[in-house]
Amino acid sequence: MHKNRCWEFPYRSQQAKLKPGDLLLFYLGSKVRHIVGEATVAGPAIPIEKDSPATFDRNCFPFFVWRMPLRDFVLYESDKADLDLIMKLSFAQRGKVTRPFVGLLLRVGMRTLTAEDVELVRQVAGPNEFN
């Protein structure tokens, strides 16, 4: 998605609520388990059609049917926005989740971050201009 400057998602998804100007932070689960970067939504979502530019193997993700353009895509320089940091963010603080399961709150979904959350992530893991 970084290479193609877009975010793709399923038909019935919370991501459909995103609008131009919204900031996205990207968390990779599995073995990575940290926030890896951010981007800004550049325009409205458009349907992915048969002749749409290919971004990745459609056989692996045939249910991603919408594409939203992104701008100002930045990959973070460190891996310090990990589960320990995520436990300090507002959505984790409001819940009763424990550290081993906090990543599940982000699995196939979104959470709303406060301005303070974003600043904390940027201070810990962001690119030089945020440090």
Protein backbone atom coordinates (compact mmCIF):
# COMPACT_ATOMS: atom_id res chain seq x y z
CA MET A 1 0.00 0.00 0.00
CA HIS A 2 2.97 2.29 0.60
CA LYS A 3 4.32 1.68 -2.91
CA ASN A 4 0.91 2.29 -4.53
CA ARG A 5 -0.10 5.19 -2.27
CA CYS A 6 -3.50 3.70 -1.50
CA TRP A 7 -5.52 1.92 1.16
CA GLU A 8 -7.74 -0.96 0.05
CA PHE A 9 -10.51 -2.47 2.08
CA PRO A 10 -13.62 -4.69 2.00
CA TYR A 11 -17.11 -3.53 1.07
CA ARG A 12 -18.54 -3.55 4.60
CA SER A 13 -15.79 -1.98 6.59
CA GLN A 14 -15.22 0.80 9.10
CA GLN A 15 -12.62 2.15 6.69
CA ALA A 16 -15.46 3.30 4.43
CA LYS A 17 -16.05 6.09 6.97
CA LEU A 18 -12.64 7.64 6.30
CA LYS A 19 -12.65 10.97 4.50
CA PRO A 20 -10.04 13.17 2.81
CA GLY A 21 -7.72 14.71 5.39
CA ASP A 22 -8.03 11.88 7.91
CA LEU A 23 -4.73 10.57 9.27
CA LEU A 24 -4.11 6.80 9.24
CA LEU A 25 -1.52 5.03 11.37
CA PHE A 26 -0.59 1.53 10.23
CA TYR A 27 -0.13 -1.35 12.65
CA LEU A 28 1.30 -4.64 11.42
CA GLY A 29 0.41 -7.65 13.51
CA SER A 30 1.82 -11.16 13.15
CA LYS A 31 5.53 -11.20 13.99
CA VAL A 32 6.01 -7.43 13.48
CA ARG A 33 3.59 -6.13 16.14
CA HIS A 34 4.20 -2.41 15.96
CA ILE A 35 2.96 0.76 14.28
CA VAL A 36 5.00 1.13 11.11
CA GLY A 37 3.93 4.44 9.58
CA GLU A 38 1.25 6.94 8.72
CA ALA A 39 -0.47 8.58 5.75
CA THR A 40 -3.25 11.05 5.04
CA VAL A 41 -6.38 10.20 3.06
CA ALA A 42 -6.09 12.14 -0.21
CA GLY A 43 -9.53 11.56 -1.72
CA PRO A 44 -12.73 9.58 -1.58
CA ALA A 45 -12.81 5.81 -1.95
CA ILE A 46 -13.39 4.44 -5.41
CA PRO A 47 -14.45 0.91 -6.38
CA ILE A 48 -11.79 -1.51 -7.56
CA GLU A 49 -12.86 -2.77 -10.95
CA LYS A 50 -11.56 -5.34 -13.38
CA ASP A 51 -9.36 -2.80 -15.18
CA SER A 52 -8.17 -0.96 -12.03
CA PRO A 53 -4.39 -0.79 -11.56
CA ALA A 54 -3.12 -3.89 -9.78
CA THR A 55 -1.67 -3.29 -6.34
CA PHE A 56 -1.26 -6.89 -5.20
CA ASP A 57 -2.50 -10.37 -6.01
CA ARG A 58 -6.30 -10.17 -6.20
CA ASN A 59 -6.47 -13.93 -5.65
CA CYS A 60 -5.17 -13.39 -2.10
CA PHE A 61 -7.52 -10.51 -1.27
CA PRO A 62 -10.55 -10.72 -3.58
CA PHE A 63 -12.74 -9.10 -0.90
CA PHE A 64 -10.83 -5.78 -1.02
CA VAL A 65 -13.17 -3.94 -3.38
CA TRP A 66 -12.57 -0.26 -2.48
CA ARG A 67 -9.44 1.85 -2.87
CA MET A 68 -8.72 5.14 -1.15
CA PRO A 69 -5.81 7.32 -2.34
CA LEU A 70 -3.22 8.35 0.26
CA ARG A 71 -0.68 11.17 0.44
CA ASP A 72 2.13 12.12 2.80
CA PHE A 73 2.97 8.46 3.40
CA VAL A 74 5.76 8.13 5.98
CA LEU A 75 7.36 4.95 7.25
CA TYR A 76 8.61 5.18 10.81
CA GLU A 77 12.31 4.78 11.45
CA SER A 78 12.04 2.61 14.54
CA ASP A 79 9.98 -0.28 15.82
CA LYS A 80 9.38 1.30 19.23
CA ALA A 81 5.64 1.89 18.70
CA ASP A 82 5.12 -1.64 19.92
CA LEU A 83 2.57 -3.33 22.16
CA ASP A 84 3.93 -1.56 25.24
CA LEU A 85 3.30 1.82 23.61
CA ILE A 86 -0.08 0.75 22.24
CA MET A 87 -1.14 -0.12 25.81
CA LYS A 88 -0.62 3.59 26.65
CA LEU A 89 -2.96 4.83 23.88
CA SER A 90 -6.43 6.08 24.77
CA PHE A 91 -8.45 3.25 23.21
CA ALA A 92 -6.41 0.63 25.11
CA GLN A 93 -6.64 2.60 28.35
CA ARG A 94 -10.44 2.74 28.06
CA GLY A 95 -10.72 -1.00 27.60
CA LYS A 96 -9.99 -3.96 29.80
CA VAL A 97 -7.58 -5.60 27.39
CA THR A 98 -4.25 -6.95 28.59
CA ARG A 99 -0.98 -6.51 26.74
CA PRO A 100 -0.91 -9.96 25.06
CA PHE A 101 -4.28 -9.21 23.45
CA VAL A 102 -4.09 -5.49 22.66
CA GLY A 103 -3.10 -6.22 19.05
CA LEU A 104 -6.43 -8.00 18.59
CA LEU A 105 -8.17 -4.63 19.06
CA LEU A 106 -6.51 -3.54 15.82
CA ARG A 107 -7.02 -6.75 13.85
CA VAL A 108 -9.14 -6.10 10.76
CA GLY A 109 -10.40 -2.87 12.25
CA MET A 110 -9.75 0.69 13.21
CA ARG A 111 -9.55 2.62 16.42
CA THR A 112 -9.82 6.37 16.86
CA LEU A 113 -6.72 8.03 18.26
CA THR A 114 -6.56 11.34 20.06
CA ALA A 115 -4.12 14.07 19.08
CA GLU A 116 -2.13 13.11 22.19
CA ASP A 117 -2.00 9.47 21.01
CA VAL A 118 -0.62 10.51 17.62
CA GLU A 119 1.96 12.79 19.23
CA LEU A 120 3.10 9.98 21.54
CA VAL A 121 3.50 7.55 18.63
CA ARG A 122 5.43 10.16 16.62
CA GLN A 123 7.71 10.98 19.55
CA VAL A 124 8.55 7.34 20.12
CA ALA A 125 8.76 5.98 16.57
CA GLY A 126 8.22 8.71 14.06
CA PRO A 127 10.55 10.13 11.44
CA ASN A 128 13.10 12.76 12.38
CA GLU A 129 10.79 15.70 11.73
CA PHE A 130 8.49 14.43 14.51
CA ASN A 131 11.30 13.85 17.02
